[in-house]
Amino acid sequence: MEPRTNIFRMLVREAMAAMPPHASADTPLGHVVRMMADANASGVVITGTGGRPRGIITEHDIARRAVFQAAADAPASQVMTHPARVIAEDEYLYHAIAIMRRTDLRHMPVVDRTGRLTGMLNLHDTLGVASGTLMDQIDSLTRGNDVAGLAQVKKAQVDLADQLFRDNLPAPEIQALLSNINLDIYHRVVDGAVRAMADDGLGPPPVDFSVIVMGSGGRGESFLFPDQDNGFILEDYPDADHTAVDGWFIELADRMVRDLDVIGLPLCKGYVMATNPLWRKTISQWKEQIRLWSRKRGTTMLRLCDIFFDFRSASGRAELADDLRRHVTDTAQGNHPFLREMWEDDQEHGPALGWFRRFITMKESDATGYKGYLNLKHSGTLPLVESMRLLSLREGLVINPTLDRMRALQDRGILGDDEADYLRGAYQHISLLLLRQQIADFQAGRAVTNYVHPRTLTRRETDMLKDSFDAVRRLKDRMRGEFTGDVM
């Protein structure tokens, strides 16, 4: 029997109907009705250039706007509902269900990344996928767009993570879903702030932009309460317009980070946020910044690269982020001195395993109140994340998630099959222990951290964690030889 929480893993493309009947805006209405009847369909999508949906004509539209009102030779554009509300095929299905229920839509065209029509979602069919017992939870994850509603969405994530965990969903898949919910929160906060600024007389965005999320959110590997690590990529604009343009985006950044903090995505203690000019630049300025970081190296700049190099677009024009991602990869690939220094800067993170495979636990001076604990982020996931990122940059791979990087590196022969298997197992096991501890801490009213005490582990979990640390150590030893030439 499939876990009842599978709905939260499904993508729109898995539930959409095949390509619906579609026609151009000047198609006679009589022909549209015949198309609907011939296909036994309840709607026809009206498309424009490149197959992008412009509107939709449903049976409801025919009854309400066409019968006895429009001639058979009238163009479809006369009665279509426009603009058509569409959904991306790689969006989560539960989100599409919530949109359709909230906006009283029975049909929603599905599009690919280019905006081209690829299918149709029918509310009746999608509700059949999600049992009625899940409707309340779907609603809790897609509440209204105001700050109070989104704060409830953030809290509902913990219950969802717990249910998925109990359904034995691998921790990385839960992290991917949590990350996507956070991206949706970003998108809705930014949209709300842009509308509010227009209502306040500040006008629309002066140039196109992309809000990027960095770090674990950028890789799709968020745990329960990640800090804000965000920035803006702005379309290039004349220098003479800087004061006005940057002033508008300063205001947007202020509103965005304030609302996200209230919702439950806390401010970054290191000030890695779009309110800091370092993380708010035009696409050309960003590219020059990357060139500077790769040439004029130092501890501070390497740490900035470590934060920045895992990013994805959360809102706005994603093409800006895609362009910058390609530039980062092109700049780093083949720059051995830069990659070597990145490797050296990452050496403070390593497996907490000493002589005779004994855990090296934390001292009171490391973190007050956590003596005897393991920091599974610094000693487990981070070394793996950093190593896969470094190898991917060297190989020119434009990929973010750690497990996807492992698969790509294995496909290229950079990681052997056995090595990749051990590393995947290590990443999944450490992530499981971390996520389980965070859920338990939240439910018990404790601070949610990356600390896990060895005595909370079963004997089997302990053995697996030591094996995981061994796999991480072997990887770091291998990379020392590849990036420094030191084989001892």
Protein backbone atom coordinates (compact mmCIF):
# COMPACT_ATOMS: atom_id res chain seq x y z
CA MET A 1 0.00 0.00 0.00
CA GLU A 2 1.33 3.43 -0.98
CA PRO A 3 1.88 5.87 1.91
CA ARG A 4 -0.96 8.35 2.11
CA THR A 5 1.54 11.19 2.07
CA ASN A 6 2.68 10.32 -1.47
CA ILE A 7 0.63 13.27 -2.72
CA PHE A 8 3.31 15.58 -1.32
CA ARG A 9 5.96 13.90 -3.46
CA MET A 10 4.07 13.92 -6.76
CA LEU A 11 4.73 16.46 -9.47
CA VAL A 12 2.08 17.97 -11.74
CA ARG A 13 3.40 16.05 -14.75
CA GLU A 14 2.58 12.76 -12.98
CA ALA A 15 -1.13 13.59 -12.71
CA MET A 16 -1.85 15.79 -15.71
CA ALA A 17 -3.98 14.65 -18.61
CA ALA A 18 -2.50 14.42 -22.09
CA MET A 19 -2.19 17.45 -24.33
CA PRO A 20 -5.64 19.09 -24.39
CA PRO A 21 -7.28 20.39 -27.55
CA HIS A 22 -5.89 23.82 -28.35
CA ALA A 23 -6.49 26.52 -30.92
CA SER A 24 -5.39 30.03 -31.85
CA ALA A 25 -7.24 33.13 -30.67
CA ASP A 26 -8.77 33.76 -34.11
CA THR A 27 -10.26 30.25 -34.41
CA PRO A 28 -14.05 30.50 -35.02
CA LEU A 29 -16.05 29.72 -31.90
CA GLY A 30 -18.09 27.08 -33.75
CA HIS A 31 -14.88 25.19 -34.56
CA VAL A 32 -13.79 25.40 -30.92
CA VAL A 33 -17.07 23.83 -29.82
CA ARG A 34 -16.63 21.01 -32.37
CA MET A 35 -13.08 20.41 -31.12
CA MET A 36 -14.41 20.13 -27.60
CA ALA A 37 -17.09 17.63 -28.64
CA ASP A 38 -14.76 15.55 -30.85
CA ALA A 39 -12.19 15.23 -28.05
CA ASN A 40 -14.86 14.68 -25.39
CA ALA A 41 -13.09 17.46 -23.51
CA SER A 42 -14.51 20.05 -21.16
CA GLY A 43 -12.13 22.79 -22.28
CA VAL A 44 -9.97 24.09 -25.13
CA VAL A 45 -6.77 26.04 -24.46
CA ILE A 46 -6.22 29.12 -26.60
CA THR A 47 -2.52 29.40 -27.43
CA GLY A 48 -0.30 32.07 -28.89
CA THR A 49 3.32 32.27 -30.02
CA GLY A 50 5.37 29.18 -29.27
CA GLY A 51 2.38 27.25 -27.98
CA ARG A 52 2.08 29.41 -24.85
CA PRO A 53 -1.42 29.52 -23.31
CA ARG A 54 -3.23 32.83 -23.71
CA GLY A 55 -6.63 31.81 -22.43
CA ILE A 56 -9.05 28.95 -22.04
CA ILE A 57 -12.61 28.21 -23.17
CA THR A 58 -14.54 25.77 -20.99
CA GLU A 59 -18.07 24.38 -21.10
CA HIS A 60 -18.87 26.99 -18.45
CA ASP A 61 -17.62 29.76 -20.77
CA ILE A 62 -19.75 28.42 -23.63
CA ALA A 63 -22.87 28.36 -21.46
CA ARG A 64 -22.24 31.73 -19.83
CA ARG A 65 -20.75 33.80 -22.65
CA ALA A 66 -21.46 32.16 -25.99
CA VAL A 67 -24.91 30.54 -26.22
CA PHE A 68 -27.37 33.06 -27.74
CA GLN A 69 -24.70 35.77 -27.40
CA ALA A 70 -21.86 35.00 -29.83
CA ALA A 71 -22.03 33.90 -33.46
CA ALA A 72 -20.44 30.62 -34.51
CA ASP A 73 -17.91 32.51 -36.63
CA ALA A 74 -16.88 34.82 -33.75
CA PRO A 75 -13.20 34.45 -32.79
CA ALA A 76 -12.36 32.37 -29.73
CA SER A 77 -10.74 35.42 -28.16
CA GLN A 78 -14.22 36.94 -27.77
CA VAL A 79 -15.34 34.46 -25.12
CA MET A 80 -12.16 32.93 -23.71
CA THR A 81 -11.17 33.40 -20.07
CA HIS A 82 -7.86 35.23 -20.06
CA PRO A 83 -5.18 35.35 -19.02
CA ALA A 84 -5.11 31.61 -18.45
CA ARG A 85 -3.93 30.53 -15.00
CA VAL A 86 -1.21 27.95 -15.72
CA ILE A 87 0.97 25.65 -13.62
CA ALA A 88 4.47 24.34 -14.34
CA GLU A 89 4.74 20.60 -14.96
CA ASP A 90 7.57 20.31 -12.40
CA GLU A 91 5.53 22.01 -9.64
CA TYR A 92 4.30 19.89 -6.75
CA LEU A 93 0.82 18.50 -7.34
CA TYR A 94 -0.46 19.45 -3.88
CA HIS A 95 0.26 23.09 -4.67
CA ALA A 96 -1.73 22.88 -7.91
CA ILE A 97 -4.66 21.30 -6.03
CA ALA A 98 -4.63 24.14 -3.53
CA ILE A 99 -4.56 26.80 -6.26
CA MET A 100 -7.47 25.21 -8.11
CA ARG A 101 -9.57 24.87 -4.97
CA ARG A 102 -8.73 28.38 -3.78
CA THR A 103 -9.51 30.04 -7.12
CA ASP A 104 -12.47 27.79 -8.02
CA LEU A 105 -10.81 26.46 -11.18
CA ARG A 106 -11.82 23.13 -12.66
CA HIS A 107 -9.12 23.14 -15.35
CA MET A 108 -5.58 24.45 -15.41
CA PRO A 109 -3.21 24.25 -18.41
CA VAL A 110 0.22 22.76 -17.69
CA VAL A 111 3.35 24.28 -19.24
CA ASP A 112 7.03 23.38 -19.48
CA ARG A 113 9.96 25.63 -18.50
CA THR A 114 9.59 27.62 -21.74
CA GLY A 115 5.90 28.30 -21.10
CA ARG A 116 4.74 25.91 -23.84
CA LEU A 117 1.51 23.97 -23.28
CA THR A 118 2.18 20.31 -22.41
CA GLY A 119 -0.98 19.05 -20.71
CA MET A 120 -4.03 19.82 -18.60
CA LEU A 121 -4.92 19.36 -14.94
CA ASN A 122 -8.55 18.57 -14.14
CA LEU A 123 -9.62 19.23 -10.57
CA HIS A 124 -11.86 16.17 -10.41
CA ASP A 125 -8.98 13.89 -11.37
CA THR A 126 -6.47 15.51 -9.02
CA LEU A 127 -8.86 15.30 -6.08
CA GLY A 128 -9.09 11.60 -6.81
CA VAL A 129 -5.35 11.35 -6.24
CA ALA A 130 -5.54 13.12 -2.88
CA SER A 131 -7.82 11.51 -0.34
CA GLY A 132 -10.15 13.76 1.61
CA THR A 133 -8.16 13.22 4.79
CA LEU A 134 -5.27 15.13 3.23
CA MET A 135 -7.24 18.21 2.21
CA ASP A 136 -6.78 19.95 5.55
CA GLN A 137 -3.04 19.39 5.40
CA ILE A 138 -2.84 20.64 1.82
CA ASP A 139 -4.74 23.75 2.87
CA SER A 140 -2.40 24.24 5.84
CA LEU A 141 0.60 24.29 3.47
CA THR A 142 -0.99 26.76 1.05
CA ARG A 143 -2.70 29.32 3.25
CA GLY A 144 -3.26 32.95 2.29
CA ASN A 145 -0.42 35.11 1.07
CA ASP A 146 -0.33 37.41 4.10
CA VAL A 147 2.43 37.10 6.68
CA ALA A 148 0.16 35.44 9.27
CA GLY A 149 -0.98 32.80 6.80
CA LEU A 150 2.55 32.06 5.61
CA ALA A 151 3.72 31.75 9.22
CA GLN A 152 1.15 28.97 9.61
CA VAL A 153 2.52 27.34 6.45
CA LYS A 154 6.01 27.36 7.97
CA LYS A 155 4.76 25.70 11.15
CA ALA A 156 2.83 23.09 9.16
CA GLN A 157 6.10 21.98 7.57
CA VAL A 158 7.12 20.22 10.78
CA ASP A 159 3.97 18.09 10.87
CA LEU A 160 4.43 17.22 7.21
CA ALA A 161 8.10 16.30 7.74
CA ASP A 162 7.10 14.09 10.67
CA GLN A 163 4.43 12.28 8.63
CA LEU A 164 6.78 11.75 5.69
CA PHE A 165 9.45 10.53 8.07
CA ARG A 166 7.02 8.01 9.57
CA ASP A 167 6.16 6.88 6.03
CA ASN A 168 9.88 6.02 5.63
CA LEU A 169 10.49 8.61 2.93
CA PRO A 170 14.28 9.16 2.60
CA ALA A 171 15.44 12.28 4.40
CA PRO A 172 16.87 13.95 1.24
CA GLU A 173 13.42 13.73 -0.39
CA ILE A 174 11.82 15.34 2.66
CA GLN A 175 14.48 18.06 2.54
CA ALA A 176 13.71 18.69 -1.13
CA LEU A 177 10.03 19.16 -0.33
CA LEU A 178 10.78 21.44 2.64
CA SER A 179 13.06 23.48 0.37
CA ASN A 180 10.36 23.84 -2.25
CA ILE A 181 7.81 24.95 0.33
CA ASN A 182 10.33 27.58 1.48
CA LEU A 183 10.84 28.70 -2.13
CA ASP A 184 7.07 29.05 -2.47
CA ILE A 185 7.05 31.19 0.69
CA TYR A 186 9.79 33.38 -0.82
CA HIS A 187 7.84 33.72 -4.06
CA ARG A 188 4.61 34.69 -2.31
CA VAL A 189 6.38 37.14 0.02
CA VAL A 190 8.14 38.84 -2.89
CA ASP A 191 4.95 39.03 -4.96
CA GLY A 192 3.12 40.53 -1.99
CA ALA A 193 5.86 43.08 -1.37
CA VAL A 194 5.93 44.11 -5.04
CA ARG A 195 2.15 44.63 -5.04
CA ALA A 196 2.30 46.57 -1.76
CA MET A 197 5.03 48.83 -3.11
CA ALA A 198 2.92 49.59 -6.17
CA ASP A 199 -0.06 50.36 -3.92
CA ASP A 200 2.19 52.67 -1.88
CA GLY A 201 3.02 54.68 -5.00
CA LEU A 202 6.53 53.29 -5.50
CA GLY A 203 5.69 51.80 -8.88
CA PRO A 204 6.54 48.41 -10.42
CA PRO A 205 10.06 46.93 -10.49
CA PRO A 206 12.24 49.29 -12.55
CA VAL A 207 14.12 46.34 -14.11
CA ASP A 208 13.74 42.57 -14.22
CA PHE A 209 15.26 40.69 -11.29
CA SER A 210 15.71 37.30 -9.70
CA VAL A 211 15.61 36.61 -5.98
CA ILE A 212 18.14 33.88 -5.27
CA VAL A 213 18.38 31.56 -2.27
CA MET A 214 21.83 30.25 -1.38
CA GLY A 215 23.27 27.46 0.74
CA SER A 216 21.08 24.49 1.70
CA GLY A 217 17.97 26.12 0.21
CA GLY A 218 19.80 26.62 -3.08
CA ARG A 219 20.70 22.92 -3.15
CA GLY A 220 17.17 21.82 -2.17
CA GLU A 221 18.52 20.37 1.09
CA SER A 222 16.90 22.50 3.79
CA PHE A 223 16.18 21.11 7.23
CA LEU A 224 13.43 22.59 9.41
CA PHE A 225 14.49 26.17 10.12
CA PRO A 226 17.23 27.41 7.77
CA ASP A 227 18.45 30.99 8.10
CA GLN A 228 17.84 33.45 5.32
CA ASP A 229 20.65 33.29 2.76
CA ASN A 230 19.36 35.37 -0.13
CA GLY A 231 20.33 37.95 -2.71
CA PHE A 232 19.13 39.82 -5.80
CA ILE A 233 20.35 39.53 -9.39
CA LEU A 234 19.20 42.60 -11.30
CA GLU A 235 19.02 43.13 -15.02
CA ASP A 236 21.68 45.57 -16.20
CA TYR A 237 20.66 49.24 -16.29
CA PRO A 238 22.40 52.57 -17.03
CA ASP A 239 24.67 53.88 -14.26
CA ALA A 240 22.75 57.15 -14.28
CA ASP A 241 19.69 55.27 -13.00
CA HIS A 242 21.48 53.65 -10.06
CA THR A 243 20.06 55.79 -7.26
CA ALA A 244 16.46 55.27 -8.30
CA VAL A 245 16.79 51.60 -9.26
CA ASP A 246 18.83 50.52 -6.24
CA GLY A 247 16.59 52.54 -3.95
CA TRP A 248 13.57 50.58 -5.16
CA PHE A 249 15.31 47.25 -4.56
CA ILE A 250 16.57 48.32 -1.13
CA GLU A 251 12.95 48.86 -0.16
CA LEU A 252 11.96 45.48 -1.60
CA ALA A 253 14.80 43.78 0.27
CA ASP A 254 13.82 45.45 3.56
CA ARG A 255 10.22 44.28 3.22
CA MET A 256 11.20 40.80 2.10
CA VAL A 257 13.68 39.96 4.87
CA ARG A 258 11.41 41.47 7.54
CA ASP A 259 8.42 39.40 6.47
CA LEU A 260 10.44 36.21 6.08
CA ASP A 261 11.80 36.65 9.61
CA VAL A 262 8.29 36.99 11.03
CA ILE A 263 7.13 33.95 9.06
CA GLY A 264 9.86 31.73 10.50
CA LEU A 265 12.89 32.06 8.23
CA PRO A 266 15.24 33.88 10.63
CA LEU A 267 17.59 36.67 9.65
CA CYS A 268 21.08 35.54 8.68
CA LYS A 269 23.55 36.28 11.46
CA GLY A 270 26.26 36.78 8.84
CA TYR A 271 24.10 39.33 7.00
CA VAL A 272 23.94 37.24 3.82
CA MET A 273 20.76 38.92 2.65
CA ALA A 274 19.65 41.20 -0.15
CA THR A 275 19.62 44.13 2.27
CA ASN A 276 23.43 43.93 2.14
CA PRO A 277 24.78 45.54 -1.07
CA LEU A 278 27.29 42.69 -1.39
CA TRP A 279 24.41 40.37 -2.21
CA ARG A 280 22.42 42.81 -4.38
CA LYS A 281 23.98 43.39 -7.81
CA THR A 282 23.27 43.53 -11.52
CA ILE A 283 24.10 40.46 -13.59
CA SER A 284 27.24 42.17 -14.95
CA GLN A 285 28.35 43.20 -11.47
CA TRP A 286 27.84 39.65 -10.24
CA LYS A 287 29.96 38.26 -13.08
CA GLU A 288 32.74 40.72 -12.30
CA GLN A 289 32.47 39.82 -8.61
CA ILE A 290 32.94 36.13 -9.47
CA ARG A 291 35.99 36.95 -11.58
CA LEU A 292 37.43 38.98 -8.70
CA TRP A 293 36.80 36.20 -6.17
CA SER A 294 38.51 33.68 -8.43
CA ARG A 295 41.63 35.86 -8.90
CA LYS A 296 42.14 37.75 -5.65
CA ARG A 297 41.75 35.01 -3.12
CA GLY A 298 41.74 35.06 0.66
CA THR A 299 39.91 33.48 3.56
CA THR A 300 37.03 35.97 3.47
CA MET A 301 36.49 35.66 -0.26
CA LEU A 302 36.66 31.87 -0.14
CA ARG A 303 34.00 31.84 2.57
CA LEU A 304 31.82 34.08 0.41
CA CYS A 305 32.23 31.67 -2.51
CA ASP A 306 31.32 28.79 -0.22
CA ILE A 307 28.05 30.52 0.63
CA PHE A 308 27.27 31.76 -2.84
CA PHE A 309 28.13 28.87 -5.16
CA ASP A 310 24.97 26.90 -4.33
CA PHE A 311 22.06 29.08 -5.39
CA ARG A 312 18.77 28.91 -7.23
CA SER A 313 16.07 31.35 -8.22
CA ALA A 314 13.17 31.66 -5.78
CA SER A 315 11.22 34.43 -7.50
CA GLY A 316 11.41 36.66 -10.52
CA ARG A 317 13.23 36.01 -13.79
CA ALA A 318 14.94 32.64 -13.39
CA GLU A 319 16.99 33.12 -16.57
CA LEU A 320 19.19 35.62 -14.74
CA ALA A 321 20.11 32.97 -12.17
CA ASP A 322 20.66 30.35 -14.89
CA ASP A 323 23.01 32.72 -16.73
CA LEU A 324 25.00 33.43 -13.58
CA ARG A 325 25.18 29.72 -12.70
CA ARG A 326 26.79 28.99 -16.07
CA HIS A 327 29.26 31.84 -15.52
CA VAL A 328 30.25 30.52 -12.08
CA THR A 329 30.89 27.06 -13.52
CA ASP A 330 32.86 28.37 -16.50
CA THR A 331 35.00 30.59 -14.25
CA ALA A 332 35.84 27.86 -11.74
CA GLN A 333 36.41 25.01 -14.16
CA GLY A 334 40.11 24.66 -14.90
CA ASN A 335 41.13 27.27 -12.31
CA HIS A 336 43.20 24.83 -10.25
CA PRO A 337 44.77 27.39 -7.85
CA PHE A 338 41.30 28.67 -6.95
CA LEU A 339 39.85 25.18 -6.47
CA ARG A 340 42.84 24.16 -4.36
CA GLU A 341 42.36 27.11 -2.03
CA MET A 342 38.66 26.32 -1.75
CA TRP A 343 39.63 22.78 -0.76
CA GLU A 344 42.07 24.06 1.88
CA ASP A 345 39.45 26.39 3.33
CA ASP A 346 37.03 23.47 3.72
CA GLN A 347 39.40 21.40 5.86
CA GLU A 348 37.94 22.53 9.18
CA HIS A 349 34.92 20.33 8.45
CA GLY A 350 35.60 16.62 8.80
CA PRO A 351 34.31 13.36 10.27
CA ALA A 352 34.23 13.24 14.08
CA LEU A 353 35.88 9.85 14.31
CA GLY A 354 39.14 9.20 16.16
CA TRP A 355 41.34 6.27 17.12
CA PHE A 356 39.65 2.86 17.33
CA ARG A 357 36.56 4.33 15.59
CA ARG A 358 35.54 6.31 18.65
CA PHE A 359 33.39 9.41 18.20
CA ILE A 360 35.06 12.75 18.82
CA THR A 361 32.31 14.56 20.68
CA MET A 362 31.97 18.24 21.46
CA LYS A 363 33.46 19.97 24.48
CA GLU A 364 31.59 22.50 26.58
CA SER A 365 33.77 25.22 25.04
CA ASP A 366 32.52 24.25 21.56
CA ALA A 367 28.86 24.92 22.37
CA THR A 368 27.46 25.58 25.81
CA GLY A 369 25.10 22.82 26.90
CA TYR A 370 26.13 20.36 24.19
CA LYS A 371 29.10 18.60 25.74
CA GLY A 372 29.24 15.01 24.51
CA TYR A 373 27.14 15.70 21.39
CA LEU A 374 28.05 15.35 17.71
CA ASN A 375 27.58 18.25 15.31
CA LEU A 376 26.34 16.20 12.39
CA LYS A 377 26.32 19.19 10.05
CA HIS A 378 29.97 20.15 10.51
CA SER A 379 31.23 16.56 10.80
CA GLY A 380 28.88 14.87 8.36
CA THR A 381 26.81 16.65 5.74
CA LEU A 382 29.07 19.68 5.18
CA PRO A 383 32.20 17.71 4.22
CA LEU A 384 30.13 15.78 1.69
CA VAL A 385 28.41 18.91 0.36
CA GLU A 386 31.70 20.78 0.00
CA SER A 387 33.48 17.86 -1.68
CA MET A 388 30.71 17.23 -4.22
CA ARG A 389 30.51 20.96 -5.00
CA LEU A 390 34.26 21.18 -5.53
CA LEU A 391 34.40 18.13 -7.79
CA SER A 392 31.39 19.39 -9.76
CA LEU A 393 32.99 22.80 -10.29
CA ARG A 394 36.17 21.12 -11.50
CA GLU A 395 34.18 19.00 -13.94
CA GLY A 396 31.99 21.88 -15.13
CA LEU A 397 28.72 20.38 -13.87
CA VAL A 398 25.84 22.86 -13.55
CA ILE A 399 24.02 20.88 -10.83
CA ASN A 400 23.04 21.82 -7.27
CA PRO A 401 21.68 18.93 -5.15
CA THR A 402 24.44 16.88 -3.53
CA LEU A 403 23.01 13.48 -4.46
CA ASP A 404 22.50 14.62 -8.07
CA ARG A 405 26.13 15.74 -8.14
CA MET A 406 27.18 12.32 -6.88
CA ARG A 407 25.21 10.58 -9.64
CA ALA A 408 26.65 12.84 -12.34
CA LEU A 409 30.20 12.34 -11.04
CA GLN A 410 29.63 8.58 -10.95
CA ASP A 411 28.32 8.65 -14.53
CA ARG A 412 31.52 10.42 -15.59
CA GLY A 413 33.70 7.91 -13.79
CA ILE A 414 34.98 10.49 -11.31
CA LEU A 415 33.44 8.46 -8.48
CA GLY A 416 33.65 4.69 -8.61
CA ASP A 417 30.43 2.71 -8.24
CA ASP A 418 31.33 1.40 -4.78
CA GLU A 419 32.60 4.79 -3.63
CA ALA A 420 29.45 6.54 -4.82
CA ASP A 421 27.30 3.90 -3.11
CA TYR A 422 29.08 4.40 0.22
CA LEU A 423 28.87 8.20 -0.07
CA ARG A 424 25.17 8.15 -0.95
CA GLY A 425 24.50 5.91 2.01
CA ALA A 426 26.52 8.20 4.27
CA TYR A 427 24.69 11.32 3.15
CA GLN A 428 21.27 9.71 3.49
CA HIS A 429 21.99 8.23 6.94
CA ILE A 430 23.45 11.42 8.42
CA SER A 431 20.59 13.47 6.99
CA LEU A 432 18.09 11.03 8.50
CA LEU A 433 19.63 11.34 11.97
CA LEU A 434 19.70 15.13 11.73
CA LEU A 435 16.13 15.48 10.51
CA ARG A 436 14.79 13.05 13.12
CA GLN A 437 16.55 14.96 15.90
CA GLN A 438 15.25 18.32 14.65
CA ILE A 439 11.66 17.05 14.53
CA ALA A 440 11.99 15.65 18.05
CA ASP A 441 13.56 18.87 19.35
CA PHE A 442 10.78 21.00 17.88
CA GLN A 443 8.03 18.79 19.23
CA ALA A 444 9.64 18.83 22.69
CA GLY A 445 9.95 22.63 22.67
CA ARG A 446 13.76 22.53 22.55
CA ALA A 447 16.02 24.63 20.35
CA VAL A 448 16.32 23.07 16.90
CA THR A 449 20.03 22.53 16.17
CA ASN A 450 22.44 20.23 14.34
CA TYR A 451 23.50 18.42 17.53
CA VAL A 452 22.80 14.73 18.10
CA HIS A 453 23.91 12.77 21.17
CA PRO A 454 25.41 9.32 20.44
CA ARG A 455 23.33 7.70 23.16
CA THR A 456 20.13 8.49 21.22
CA LEU A 457 21.30 6.13 18.46
CA THR A 458 20.68 2.42 18.24
CA ARG A 459 23.67 0.11 17.94
CA ARG A 460 22.96 -0.33 14.23
CA GLU A 461 22.63 3.43 13.70
CA THR A 462 25.91 3.93 15.54
CA ASP A 463 27.70 1.40 13.34
CA MET A 464 26.23 2.99 10.22
CA LEU A 465 27.28 6.46 11.36
CA LYS A 466 30.85 5.28 11.93
CA ASP A 467 30.85 3.67 8.49
CA SER A 468 29.53 6.95 7.08
CA PHE A 469 32.34 8.91 8.77
CA ASP A 470 34.85 6.41 7.36
CA ALA A 471 33.48 7.01 3.84
CA VAL A 472 33.78 10.77 4.31
CA ARG A 473 37.36 10.40 5.55
CA ARG A 474 38.35 8.29 2.55
CA LEU A 475 36.83 10.89 0.23
CA LYS A 476 38.73 13.74 1.89
CA ASP A 477 42.00 11.76 1.75
CA ARG A 478 41.46 11.15 -1.94
CA MET A 479 40.67 14.80 -2.64
CA ARG A 480 43.81 15.91 -0.77
CA GLY A 481 45.83 14.01 -3.32
CA GLU A 482 43.86 15.34 -6.30
CA PHE A 483 43.83 18.99 -5.28
CA THR A 484 47.26 19.32 -3.63
CA GLY A 485 49.35 16.42 -4.91
CA ASP A 486 49.90 15.33 -1.31
CA VAL A 487 49.28 11.60 -1.12
CA MET A 488 50.45 11.13 2.47
